[in-house]
C-alpha atoms as a PDB file:
ATOM      1  CA  MET A   1       0.000   0.000   0.000  1.00  0.00           C
ATOM      2  CA  PRO A   2       1.259   3.540  -0.703  1.00  0.00           C
ATOM      3  CA  ASN A   3       2.585   5.995   1.848  1.00  0.00           C
ATOM      4  CA  SER A   4       1.358   9.041  -0.056  1.00  0.00           C
ATOM      5  CA  VAL A   5      -1.360   9.639  -2.653  1.00  0.00           C
ATOM      6  CA  THR A   6      -2.381  12.670  -4.658  1.00  0.00           C
ATOM      7  CA  VAL A   7      -6.075  13.014  -5.474  1.00  0.00           C
ATOM      8  CA  ARG A   8      -7.454  15.236  -8.243  1.00  0.00           C
ATOM      9  CA  VAL A   9     -10.949  16.397  -7.330  1.00  0.00           C
ATOM     10  CA  PRO A  10     -13.416  18.568  -9.278  1.00  0.00           C
ATOM     11  CA  ALA A  11     -15.319  21.679  -8.365  1.00  0.00           C
ATOM     12  CA  THR A  12     -19.067  21.135  -8.471  1.00  0.00           C
ATOM     13  CA  SER A  13     -22.212  23.115  -9.111  1.00  0.00           C
ATOM     14  CA  ALA A  14     -25.257  22.029  -7.122  1.00  0.00           C
ATOM     15  CA  ASN A  15     -29.019  22.622  -7.252  1.00  0.00           C
ATOM     16  CA  LEU A  16     -28.981  23.853 -10.889  1.00  0.00           C
ATOM     17  CA  GLY A  17     -31.994  25.975 -10.039  1.00  0.00           C
ATOM     18  CA  PRO A  18     -34.854  23.740  -8.888  1.00  0.00           C
ATOM     19  CA  GLY A  19     -32.945  20.601  -7.837  1.00  0.00           C
ATOM     20  CA  PHE A  20     -32.304  21.714  -4.272  1.00  0.00           C
ATOM     21  CA  ASP A  21     -30.052  19.220  -2.419  1.00  0.00           C
ATOM     22  CA  SER A  22     -30.725  16.671  -5.200  1.00  0.00           C
ATOM     23  CA  LEU A  23     -28.794  17.665  -8.336  1.00  0.00           C
ATOM     24  CA  GLY A  24     -25.072  18.267  -8.719  1.00  0.00           C
ATOM     25  CA  LEU A  25     -22.666  18.609 -11.624  1.00  0.00           C
ATOM     26  CA  ALA A  26     -18.905  18.030 -11.666  1.00  0.00           C
ATOM     27  CA  LEU A  27     -16.959  20.770 -13.450  1.00  0.00           C
ATOM     28  CA  ALA A  28     -13.701  20.640 -15.389  1.00  0.00           C
ATOM     29  CA  LEU A  29     -12.091  22.797 -12.692  1.00  0.00           C
ATOM     30  CA  THR A  30      -9.909  20.724 -10.413  1.00  0.00           C
ATOM     31  CA  GLN A  31      -7.496  20.890  -7.535  1.00  0.00           C
ATOM     32  CA  ASP A  32      -4.885  18.372  -6.395  1.00  0.00           C
ATOM     33  CA  VAL A  33      -4.670  17.265  -2.778  1.00  0.00           C
ATOM     34  CA  THR A  34      -1.972  15.016  -1.301  1.00  0.00           C
ATOM     35  CA  VAL A  35      -2.649  12.802   1.719  1.00  0.00           C
ATOM     36  CA  ALA A  36       0.355  11.076   3.277  1.00  0.00           C
ATOM     37  CA  LEU A  37       1.292   8.902   6.228  1.00  0.00           C
ATOM     38  CA  ASP A  38       3.259  11.559   8.063  1.00  0.00           C
ATOM     39  CA  HIS A  39       2.973  14.077  10.905  1.00  0.00           C
ATOM     40  CA  GLN A  40       0.970  17.233  10.227  1.00  0.00           C
ATOM     41  CA  PRO A  41       2.291  20.368  11.963  1.00  0.00           C
ATOM     42  CA  GLU A  42      -0.297  22.685  13.480  1.00  0.00           C
ATOM     43  CA  THR A  43      -2.033  24.642  10.715  1.00  0.00           C
ATOM     44  CA  ASN A  44      -4.778  27.203  10.231  1.00  0.00           C
ATOM     45  CA  ASP A  45      -5.256  26.149   6.609  1.00  0.00           C
ATOM     46  CA  GLY A  46      -8.962  25.409   6.309  1.00  0.00           C
ATOM     47  CA  LEU A  47      -8.486  23.132   3.278  1.00  0.00           C
ATOM     48  CA  VAL A  48      -5.933  20.988   5.094  1.00  0.00           C
ATOM     49  CA  ARG A  49      -8.126  20.697   8.170  1.00  0.00           C
ATOM     50  CA  LEU A  50     -11.142  19.574   6.133  1.00  0.00           C
ATOM     51  CA  VAL A  51      -9.054  17.021   4.250  1.00  0.00           C
ATOM     52  CA  LEU A  52      -7.572  15.581   7.444  1.00  0.00           C
ATOM     53  CA  ASP A  53     -10.884  15.447   9.270  1.00  0.00           C
ATOM     54  CA  ALA A  54     -12.447  13.522   6.371  1.00  0.00           C
ATOM     55  CA  ALA A  55      -9.442  11.215   6.038  1.00  0.00           C
ATOM     56  CA  ARG A  56      -9.476  10.354   9.739  1.00  0.00           C
ATOM     57  CA  SER A  57     -13.222   9.759   9.572  1.00  0.00           C
ATOM     58  CA  ALA A  58     -12.623   7.313   6.710  1.00  0.00           C
ATOM     59  CA  TYR A  59     -10.156   5.339   8.810  1.00  0.00           C
ATOM     60  CA  ARG A  60     -12.616   5.198  11.698  1.00  0.00           C
ATOM     61  CA  LEU A  61     -15.424   4.071   9.402  1.00  0.00           C
ATOM     62  CA  ALA A  62     -13.198   1.276   8.072  1.00  0.00           C
ATOM     63  CA  ARG A  63     -12.320   0.298  11.672  1.00  0.00           C
ATOM     64  CA  VAL A  64      -8.640   0.866  10.993  1.00  0.00           C
ATOM     65  CA  GLU A  65      -6.418   2.586  13.543  1.00  0.00           C
ATOM     66  CA  VAL A  66      -5.981   6.195  12.521  1.00  0.00           C
ATOM     67  CA  PRO A  67      -2.313   6.860  11.688  1.00  0.00           C
ATOM     68  CA  GLU A  68      -0.404  10.129  11.614  1.00  0.00           C
ATOM     69  CA  LEU A  69      -1.626  11.937   8.502  1.00  0.00           C
ATOM     70  CA  ARG A  70      -0.432  14.965   6.601  1.00  0.00           C
ATOM     71  CA  ALA A  71      -2.284  16.859   3.860  1.00  0.00           C
ATOM     72  CA  SER A  72      -1.354  19.562   1.374  1.00  0.00           C
ATOM     73  CA  GLY A  73      -2.828  20.919  -1.789  1.00  0.00           C
ATOM     74  CA  THR A  74      -3.760  23.768  -4.039  1.00  0.00           C
ATOM     75  CA  THR A  75      -6.701  26.102  -3.415  1.00  0.00           C
ATOM     76  CA  ALA A  76      -7.920  26.291  -6.987  1.00  0.00           C
ATOM     77  CA  ILE A  77     -11.604  26.096  -5.984  1.00  0.00           C
ATOM     78  CA  PRO A  78     -12.685  29.347  -4.316  1.00  0.00           C
ATOM     79  CA  ILE A  79     -14.156  28.982  -0.829  1.00  0.00           C
ATOM     80  CA  GLY A  80     -17.670  30.126   0.023  1.00  0.00           C
ATOM     81  CA  ARG A  81     -18.625  30.658  -3.626  1.00  0.00           C
ATOM     82  CA  GLY A  82     -21.023  27.771  -4.299  1.00  0.00           C
ATOM     83  CA  LEU A  83     -18.497  25.657  -6.190  1.00  0.00           C
ATOM     84  CA  GLY A  84     -18.205  22.803  -3.718  1.00  0.00           C
ATOM     85  CA  ALA A  85     -14.858  23.709  -2.128  1.00  0.00           C
ATOM     86  CA  SER A  86     -15.621  21.937   1.145  1.00  0.00           C
ATOM     87  CA  ALA A  87     -17.053  18.893  -0.647  1.00  0.00           C
ATOM     88  CA  ALA A  88     -13.928  18.709  -2.817  1.00  0.00           C
ATOM     89  CA  ALA A  89     -11.646  18.845   0.219  1.00  0.00           C
ATOM     90  CA  ARG A  90     -13.605  16.177   2.039  1.00  0.00           C
ATOM     91  CA  ALA A  91     -13.881  13.966  -1.039  1.00  0.00           C
ATOM     92  CA  ALA A  92     -10.126  14.198  -1.517  1.00  0.00           C
ATOM     93  CA  GLY A  93      -9.549  13.239   2.106  1.00  0.00           C
ATOM     94  CA  ILE A  94     -11.888  10.265   1.914  1.00  0.00           C
ATOM     95  CA  VAL A  95     -10.567   8.959  -1.409  1.00  0.00           C
ATOM     96  CA  GLY A  96      -6.979   9.561  -0.349  1.00  0.00           C
ATOM     97  CA  ALA A  97      -7.433   7.708   2.944  1.00  0.00           C
ATOM     98  CA  ASN A  98      -9.235   4.875   1.195  1.00  0.00           C
ATOM     99  CA  ALA A  99      -6.306   4.491  -1.198  1.00  0.00           C
ATOM    100  CA  LEU A 100      -3.830   4.499   1.701  1.00  0.00           C
ATOM    101  CA  MET A 101      -5.898   1.716   3.330  1.00  0.00           C
ATOM    102  CA  GLY A 102      -5.990  -0.363   0.166  1.00  0.00           C
ATOM    103  CA  GLY A 103      -9.601   0.356  -0.755  1.00  0.00           C
ATOM    104  CA  LYS A 104     -11.504  -0.825   2.302  1.00  0.00           C
ATOM    105  CA  LEU A 105     -14.508   1.471   1.779  1.00  0.00           C
ATOM    106  CA  SER A 106     -17.206   1.024  -0.875  1.00  0.00           C
ATOM    107  CA  ASP A 107     -18.532   3.866  -3.009  1.00  0.00           C
ATOM    108  CA  ALA A 108     -21.732   3.864  -0.930  1.00  0.00           C
ATOM    109  CA  GLN A 109     -19.772   4.166   2.302  1.00  0.00           C
ATOM    110  CA  MET A 110     -17.670   7.015   0.944  1.00  0.00           C
ATOM    111  CA  LEU A 111     -20.760   8.908  -0.201  1.00  0.00           C
ATOM    112  CA  SER A 112     -22.588   8.426   3.102  1.00  0.00           C
ATOM    113  CA  LEU A 113     -19.520   9.541   5.031  1.00  0.00           C
ATOM    114  CA  GLY A 114     -18.918  12.578   2.836  1.00  0.00           C
ATOM    115  CA  ALA A 115     -22.564  13.618   2.818  1.00  0.00           C
ATOM    116  CA  GLY A 116     -22.713  13.258   6.580  1.00  0.00           C
ATOM    117  CA  LEU A 117     -19.728  15.546   6.972  1.00  0.00           C
ATOM    118  CA  GLU A 118     -21.138  18.044   4.464  1.00  0.00           C
ATOM    119  CA  GLY A 119     -24.732  17.895   5.701  1.00  0.00           C
ATOM    120  CA  HIS A 120     -26.036  17.199   2.173  1.00  0.00           C
ATOM    121  CA  ALA A 121     -25.015  15.057  -0.804  1.00  0.00           C
ATOM    122  CA  ASP A 122     -25.644  17.202  -3.892  1.00  0.00           C
ATOM    123  CA  ASN A 123     -22.025  18.402  -4.111  1.00  0.00           C
ATOM    124  CA  MET A 124     -20.489  15.280  -2.615  1.00  0.00           C
ATOM    125  CA  ALA A 125     -21.849  12.806  -5.202  1.00  0.00           C
ATOM    126  CA  PRO A 126     -20.357  14.595  -8.253  1.00  0.00           C
ATOM    127  CA  ALA A 127     -17.164  15.433  -6.333  1.00  0.00           C
ATOM    128  CA  LEU A 128     -16.631  11.726  -5.660  1.00  0.00           C
ATOM    129  CA  PHE A 129     -17.980  10.215  -8.881  1.00  0.00           C
ATOM    130  CA  GLY A 130     -18.142  12.968 -11.531  1.00  0.00           C
ATOM    131  CA  GLY A 131     -20.807  13.821 -14.074  1.00  0.00           C
ATOM    132  CA  LEU A 132     -24.356  15.010 -13.517  1.00  0.00           C
ATOM    133  CA  ARG A 133     -25.687  13.254 -10.417  1.00  0.00           C
ATOM    134  CA  VAL A 134     -29.187  12.817  -9.075  1.00  0.00           C
ATOM    135  CA  VAL A 135     -28.880  11.947  -5.395  1.00  0.00           C
ATOM    136  CA  VAL A 136     -31.538  11.314  -2.737  1.00  0.00           C
ATOM    137  CA  ARG A 137     -31.473  10.161   0.856  1.00  0.00           C
ATOM    138  CA  ASP A 138     -32.503   6.531   1.330  1.00  0.00           C
ATOM    139  CA  GLY A 139     -32.796   5.690   5.004  1.00  0.00           C
ATOM    140  CA  ASP A 140     -29.370   6.081   6.552  1.00  0.00           C
ATOM    141  CA  GLY A 141     -27.666   6.210   3.163  1.00  0.00           C
ATOM    142  CA  PHE A 142     -28.044   7.776  -0.266  1.00  0.00           C
ATOM    143  CA  ARG A 143     -28.995   6.581  -3.736  1.00  0.00           C
ATOM    144  CA  HIS A 144     -27.312   8.322  -6.626  1.00  0.00           C
ATOM    145  CA  ILE A 145     -27.470   7.838 -10.383  1.00  0.00           C
ATOM    146  CA  ALA A 146     -25.419   9.473 -13.122  1.00  0.00           C
ATOM    147  CA  ALA A 147     -27.800  11.257 -15.476  1.00  0.00           C
ATOM    148  CA  PRO A 148     -26.789  11.539 -19.145  1.00  0.00           C
ATOM    149  CA  LEU A 149     -25.616  14.915 -20.396  1.00  0.00           C
ATOM    150  CA  ALA A 150     -25.798  15.773 -24.083  1.00  0.00           C
ATOM    151  CA  PRO A 151     -22.516  17.058 -25.580  1.00  0.00           C
ATOM    152  CA  GLY A 152     -21.691  20.639 -26.426  1.00  0.00           C
ATOM    153  CA  LEU A 153     -22.626  22.450 -23.238  1.00  0.00           C
ATOM    154  CA  LYS A 154     -20.384  25.251 -21.954  1.00  0.00           C
ATOM    155  CA  ILE A 155     -20.667  26.628 -18.428  1.00  0.00           C
ATOM    156  CA  VAL A 156     -19.953  30.301 -17.818  1.00  0.00           C
ATOM    157  CA  LEU A 157     -19.267  31.218 -14.197  1.00  0.00           C
ATOM    158  CA  PHE A 158     -19.323  34.672 -12.656  1.00  0.00           C
ATOM    159  CA  VAL A 159     -17.521  34.347  -9.318  1.00  0.00           C
ATOM    160  CA  PRO A 160     -18.069  37.414  -7.105  1.00  0.00           C
ATOM    161  CA  ASP A 161     -15.422  38.602  -4.700  1.00  0.00           C
ATOM    162  CA  PHE A 162     -17.766  38.128  -1.725  1.00  0.00           C
ATOM    163  CA  GLU A 163     -18.520  34.860   0.032  1.00  0.00           C
ATOM    164  CA  MET A 164     -21.939  33.360   0.750  1.00  0.00           C
ATOM    165  CA  PRO A 165     -21.256  30.687   3.391  1.00  0.00           C
ATOM    166  CA  THR A 166     -23.742  27.863   2.866  1.00  0.00           C
ATOM    167  CA  GLY A 167     -24.692  27.665   6.523  1.00  0.00           C
ATOM    168  CA  GLU A 168     -25.613  31.345   6.628  1.00  0.00           C
ATOM    169  CA  SER A 169     -27.595  31.363   3.377  1.00  0.00           C
ATOM    170  CA  ARG A 170     -29.527  28.244   4.422  1.00  0.00           C
ATOM    171  CA  LYS A 171     -30.893  30.106   7.431  1.00  0.00           C
ATOM    172  CA  LEU A 172     -32.919  32.251   5.031  1.00  0.00           C
ATOM    173  CA  LEU A 173     -34.713  29.333   3.362  1.00  0.00           C
ATOM    174  CA  PRO A 174     -38.442  28.769   3.952  1.00  0.00           C
ATOM    175  CA  THR A 175     -39.420  25.967   6.295  1.00  0.00           C
ATOM    176  CA  GLU A 176     -42.627  25.259   4.361  1.00  0.00           C
ATOM    177  CA  LEU A 177     -43.749  25.402   0.724  1.00  0.00           C
ATOM    178  CA  SER A 178     -47.201  25.642  -0.770  1.00  0.00           C
ATOM    179  CA  LYS A 179     -48.396  22.786  -2.945  1.00  0.00           C
ATOM    180  CA  ASP A 180     -48.115  25.040  -6.005  1.00  0.00           C
ATOM    181  CA  ASP A 181     -44.489  25.897  -5.211  1.00  0.00           C
ATOM    182  CA  ALA A 182     -43.610  22.260  -4.545  1.00  0.00           C
ATOM    183  CA  VAL A 183     -45.137  21.179  -7.865  1.00  0.00           C
ATOM    184  CA  PHE A 184     -43.379  24.094  -9.604  1.00  0.00           C
ATOM    185  CA  ASN A 185     -39.938  22.901  -8.435  1.00  0.00           C
ATOM    186  CA  ILE A 186     -40.566  19.164  -8.823  1.00  0.00           C
ATOM    187  CA  GLY A 187     -41.712  19.587 -12.421  1.00  0.00           C
ATOM    188  CA  ARG A 188     -38.817  21.817 -13.384  1.00  0.00           C
ATOM    189  CA  ALA A 189     -36.205  19.570 -11.788  1.00  0.00           C
ATOM    190  CA  ALA A 190     -37.580  16.626 -13.774  1.00  0.00           C
ATOM    191  CA  LEU A 191     -37.704  18.738 -16.948  1.00  0.00           C
ATOM    192  CA  LEU A 192     -34.110  19.846 -16.379  1.00  0.00           C
ATOM    193  CA  VAL A 193     -32.746  16.297 -16.184  1.00  0.00           C
ATOM    194  CA  ALA A 194     -34.659  15.346 -19.341  1.00  0.00           C
ATOM    195  CA  ALA A 195     -33.601  18.471 -21.251  1.00  0.00           C
ATOM    196  CA  LEU A 196     -29.918  18.013 -20.387  1.00  0.00           C
ATOM    197  CA  ALA A 197     -30.061  14.365 -21.432  1.00  0.00           C
ATOM    198  CA  LYS A 198     -31.740  15.063 -24.765  1.00  0.00           C
ATOM    199  CA  GLY A 199     -29.901  18.287 -25.579  1.00  0.00           C
ATOM    200  CA  GLU A 200     -33.183  20.194 -25.748  1.00  0.00           C
ATOM    201  CA  TRP A 201     -31.460  23.427 -24.883  1.00  0.00           C
ATOM    202  CA  ASP A 202     -34.491  25.636 -25.498  1.00  0.00           C
ATOM    203  CA  ALA A 203     -36.135  24.124 -22.397  1.00  0.00           C
ATOM    204  CA  LEU A 204     -33.320  25.065 -20.013  1.00  0.00           C
ATOM    205  CA  ASP A 205     -34.523  28.566 -19.129  1.00  0.00           C
ATOM    206  CA  LEU A 206     -37.877  27.189 -18.016  1.00  0.00           C
ATOM    207  CA  ALA A 207     -36.283  24.139 -16.408  1.00  0.00           C
ATOM    208  CA  THR A 208     -33.900  26.115 -14.154  1.00  0.00           C
ATOM    209  CA  GLN A 209     -36.580  28.293 -12.557  1.00  0.00           C
ATOM    210  CA  ASP A 210     -36.894  27.933  -8.804  1.00  0.00           C
ATOM    211  CA  ARG A 211     -39.153  29.036  -5.967  1.00  0.00           C
ATOM    212  CA  LEU A 212     -37.395  27.350  -3.058  1.00  0.00           C
ATOM    213  CA  HIS A 213     -33.924  28.754  -2.417  1.00  0.00           C
ATOM    214  CA  GLN A 214     -32.983  31.426  -4.984  1.00  0.00           C
ATOM    215  CA  PRO A 215     -35.674  33.970  -4.005  1.00  0.00           C
ATOM    216  CA  ALA A 216     -34.582  33.748  -0.369  1.00  0.00           C
ATOM    217  CA  ARG A 217     -30.908  34.107  -1.253  1.00  0.00           C
ATOM    218  CA  THR A 218     -31.506  37.346  -3.160  1.00  0.00           C
ATOM    219  CA  LYS A 219     -31.650  38.930   0.303  1.00  0.00           C
ATOM    220  CA  ILE A 220     -27.881  38.388   0.468  1.00  0.00           C
ATOM    221  CA  PHE A 221     -27.250  38.887  -3.255  1.00  0.00           C
ATOM    222  CA  PRO A 222     -29.871  41.388  -4.517  1.00  0.00           C
ATOM    223  CA  GLY A 223     -28.210  41.799  -7.918  1.00  0.00           C
ATOM    224  CA  MET A 224     -28.594  38.122  -8.783  1.00  0.00           C
ATOM    225  CA  PRO A 225     -31.734  38.402 -11.005  1.00  0.00           C
ATOM    226  CA  GLU A 226     -30.215  41.232 -13.032  1.00  0.00           C
ATOM    227  CA  ILE A 227     -27.043  39.224 -13.685  1.00  0.00           C
ATOM    228  CA  PHE A 228     -29.239  36.262 -14.732  1.00  0.00           C
ATOM    229  CA  GLY A 229     -30.980  38.581 -17.171  1.00  0.00           C
ATOM    230  CA  ALA A 230     -27.739  39.968 -18.594  1.00  0.00           C
ATOM    231  CA  ALA A 231     -26.439  36.459 -19.239  1.00  0.00           C
ATOM    232  CA  LYS A 232     -29.609  35.436 -21.072  1.00  0.00           C
ATOM    233  CA  ARG A 233     -29.773  38.626 -23.140  1.00  0.00           C
ATOM    234  CA  ALA A 234     -26.202  37.864 -24.243  1.00  0.00           C
ATOM    235  CA  GLY A 235     -27.262  34.413 -25.454  1.00  0.00           C
ATOM    236  CA  ALA A 236     -27.115  32.129 -22.411  1.00  0.00           C
ATOM    237  CA  LEU A 237     -29.594  29.271 -22.386  1.00  0.00           C
ATOM    238  CA  CYS A 238     -30.240  29.772 -18.660  1.00  0.00           C
ATOM    239  CA  ALA A 239     -28.667  31.131 -15.499  1.00  0.00           C
ATOM    240  CA  TYR A 240     -28.874  30.043 -11.874  1.00  0.00           C
ATOM    241  CA  LEU A 241     -27.194  30.442  -8.500  1.00  0.00           C
ATOM    242  CA  SER A 242     -24.564  27.726  -8.136  1.00  0.00           C
ATOM    243  CA  GLY A 243     -25.104  25.869  -4.866  1.00  0.00           C
ATOM    244  CA  GLY A 244     -25.576  28.297  -2.014  1.00  0.00           C
ATOM    245  CA  GLY A 245     -23.794  31.066  -3.976  1.00  0.00           C
ATOM    246  CA  SER A 246     -22.265  33.443  -4.590  1.00  0.00           C
ATOM    247  CA  THR A 247     -21.239  32.114  -8.028  1.00  0.00           C
ATOM    248  CA  ILE A 248     -23.743  32.504 -10.848  1.00  0.00           C
ATOM    249  CA  ALA A 249     -23.625  29.836 -13.560  1.00  0.00           C
ATOM    250  CA  ALA A 250     -24.940  30.189 -17.105  1.00  0.00           C
ATOM    251  CA  PHE A 251     -25.232  27.399 -19.681  1.00  0.00           C
ATOM    252  CA  ALA A 252     -24.423  28.040 -23.337  1.00  0.00           C
ATOM    253  CA  VAL A 253     -23.539  26.243 -26.546  1.00  0.00           C
ATOM    254  CA  ASP A 254     -21.872  29.252 -28.186  1.00  0.00           C
ATOM    255  CA  GLY A 255     -21.028  32.882 -27.468  1.00  0.00           C
ATOM    256  CA  GLU A 256     -19.590  32.044 -24.066  1.00  0.00           C
ATOM    257  CA  GLU A 257     -17.045  34.903 -24.130  1.00  0.00           C
ATOM    258  CA  ARG A 258     -19.826  37.380 -24.895  1.00  0.00           C
ATOM    259  CA  ILE A 259     -21.935  35.953 -22.067  1.00  0.00           C
ATOM    260  CA  ALA A 260     -19.024  36.212 -19.634  1.00  0.00           C
ATOM    261  CA  ARG A 261     -18.484  39.884 -20.543  1.00  0.00           C
ATOM    262  CA  ALA A 262     -22.176  40.674 -20.122  1.00  0.00           C
ATOM    263  CA  MET A 263     -22.314  39.021 -16.705  1.00  0.00           C
ATOM    264  CA  MET A 264     -19.199  40.862 -15.548  1.00  0.00           C
ATOM    265  CA  GLN A 265     -20.411  44.230 -16.827  1.00  0.00           C
ATOM    266  CA  GLU A 266     -23.803  43.878 -15.152  1.00  0.00           C
ATOM    267  CA  ALA A 267     -22.257  42.699 -11.900  1.00  0.00           C
ATOM    268  CA  ILE A 268     -19.757  45.564 -11.744  1.00  0.00           C
ATOM    269  CA  ALA A 269     -22.479  48.079 -12.594  1.00  0.00           C
ATOM    270  CA  ARG A 270     -24.386  46.825  -9.552  1.00  0.00           C
ATOM    271  CA  GLY A 271     -21.377  46.890  -7.251  1.00  0.00           C
ATOM    272  CA  TYR A 272     -20.289  43.247  -7.397  1.00  0.00           C
ATOM    273  CA  PRO A 273     -16.675  42.886  -8.534  1.00  0.00           C
ATOM    274  CA  GLY A 274     -15.444  39.411  -9.354  1.00  0.00           C
ATOM    275  CA  HIS A 275     -14.114  37.308 -12.206  1.00  0.00           C
ATOM    276  CA  THR A 276     -15.468  34.965 -14.857  1.00  0.00           C
ATOM    277  CA  THR A 277     -14.444  31.450 -15.819  1.00  0.00           C
ATOM    278  CA  ILE A 278     -15.579  29.363 -18.784  1.00  0.00           C
ATOM    279  CA  THR A 279     -15.594  25.631 -18.260  1.00  0.00           C
ATOM    280  CA  THR A 280     -17.458  22.429 -19.105  1.00  0.00           C
ATOM    281  CA  ALA A 281     -18.918  19.480 -17.260  1.00  0.00           C
ATOM    282  CA  SER A 282     -16.592  16.646 -16.286  1.00  0.00           C
ATOM    283  CA  ASP A 283     -17.179  12.907 -16.060  1.00  0.00           C
ATOM    284  CA  ALA A 284     -14.259  12.540 -13.640  1.00  0.00           C
ATOM    285  CA  GLY A 285     -14.764  12.563  -9.894  1.00  0.00           C
ATOM    286  CA  ALA A 286     -12.083  12.364  -7.220  1.00  0.00           C
ATOM    287  CA  THR A 287      -9.265  10.293  -8.723  1.00  0.00           C
ATOM    288  CA  VAL A 288      -5.887   9.162  -7.433  1.00  0.00           C
ATOM    289  CA  VAL A 289      -3.410  10.576  -9.952  1.00  0.00           C
ATOM    290  CA  SER A 290      -0.181   9.528  -8.247  1.00  0.00           C
ATOM    291  CA  SER A 291       1.040   7.435  -5.339  1.00  0.00           C
ATOM    292  CA  THR A 292       4.366   6.634  -3.729  1.00  0.00           C
END
């Protein structure tokens, strides 16, 4: 068994509008994290602490004595921006520890552990396994399925300079929904999965509408609807708040540079500096890319 492994793990975009806590997409934005059998000096690095906590939890779940562990890595996924930074760190820790143990944990165990640490599985499933994932709680565990994704989709991200910590933004969410609002979101989440599978791009604007979490989160990010509108006027197929925010994601099949400029211009005009990134979906989840 190795003494050190490096895990490449993707950023993720969750919810995709109406699929609250149920839909997540792995992105072709990655960071590398190394987990090794070695002593870790005291650190205030939040990424390292998340990785180590997850890795130690994996050892305990496998009923293996927890060894001295060290972690290091890049911070390519911005924190508190709705791109699954904490899920990526935890997924890397779990997969890295599992590799150091010789693969004692199953995929189901890794997902349940990661989702338990995160508090929800919509980012964790694509971080671990890649692709577009539909994930639901099933008793004490989770059931997840990779949904097909038609080729050609580009993802334009506007990443503001301000954070929206998931825990804080979740406090704003309604505790109850009307039947009409529940049906609204259920129907659109189902339509979204079908439209992405079939490449029926003209349905995406309708399919990414949401009445559950995005309206509440505009209290933190009031300019969100206007940036959505700017993206769509520039040719985006749809726009939505990625995860708990603050990143806004827009889907496109062409004109992605134009869409990125429009999102940036609208955001800056409304007092939200940031940067844009153009990426795609990724089939790759957390993967060991080297070991020694």
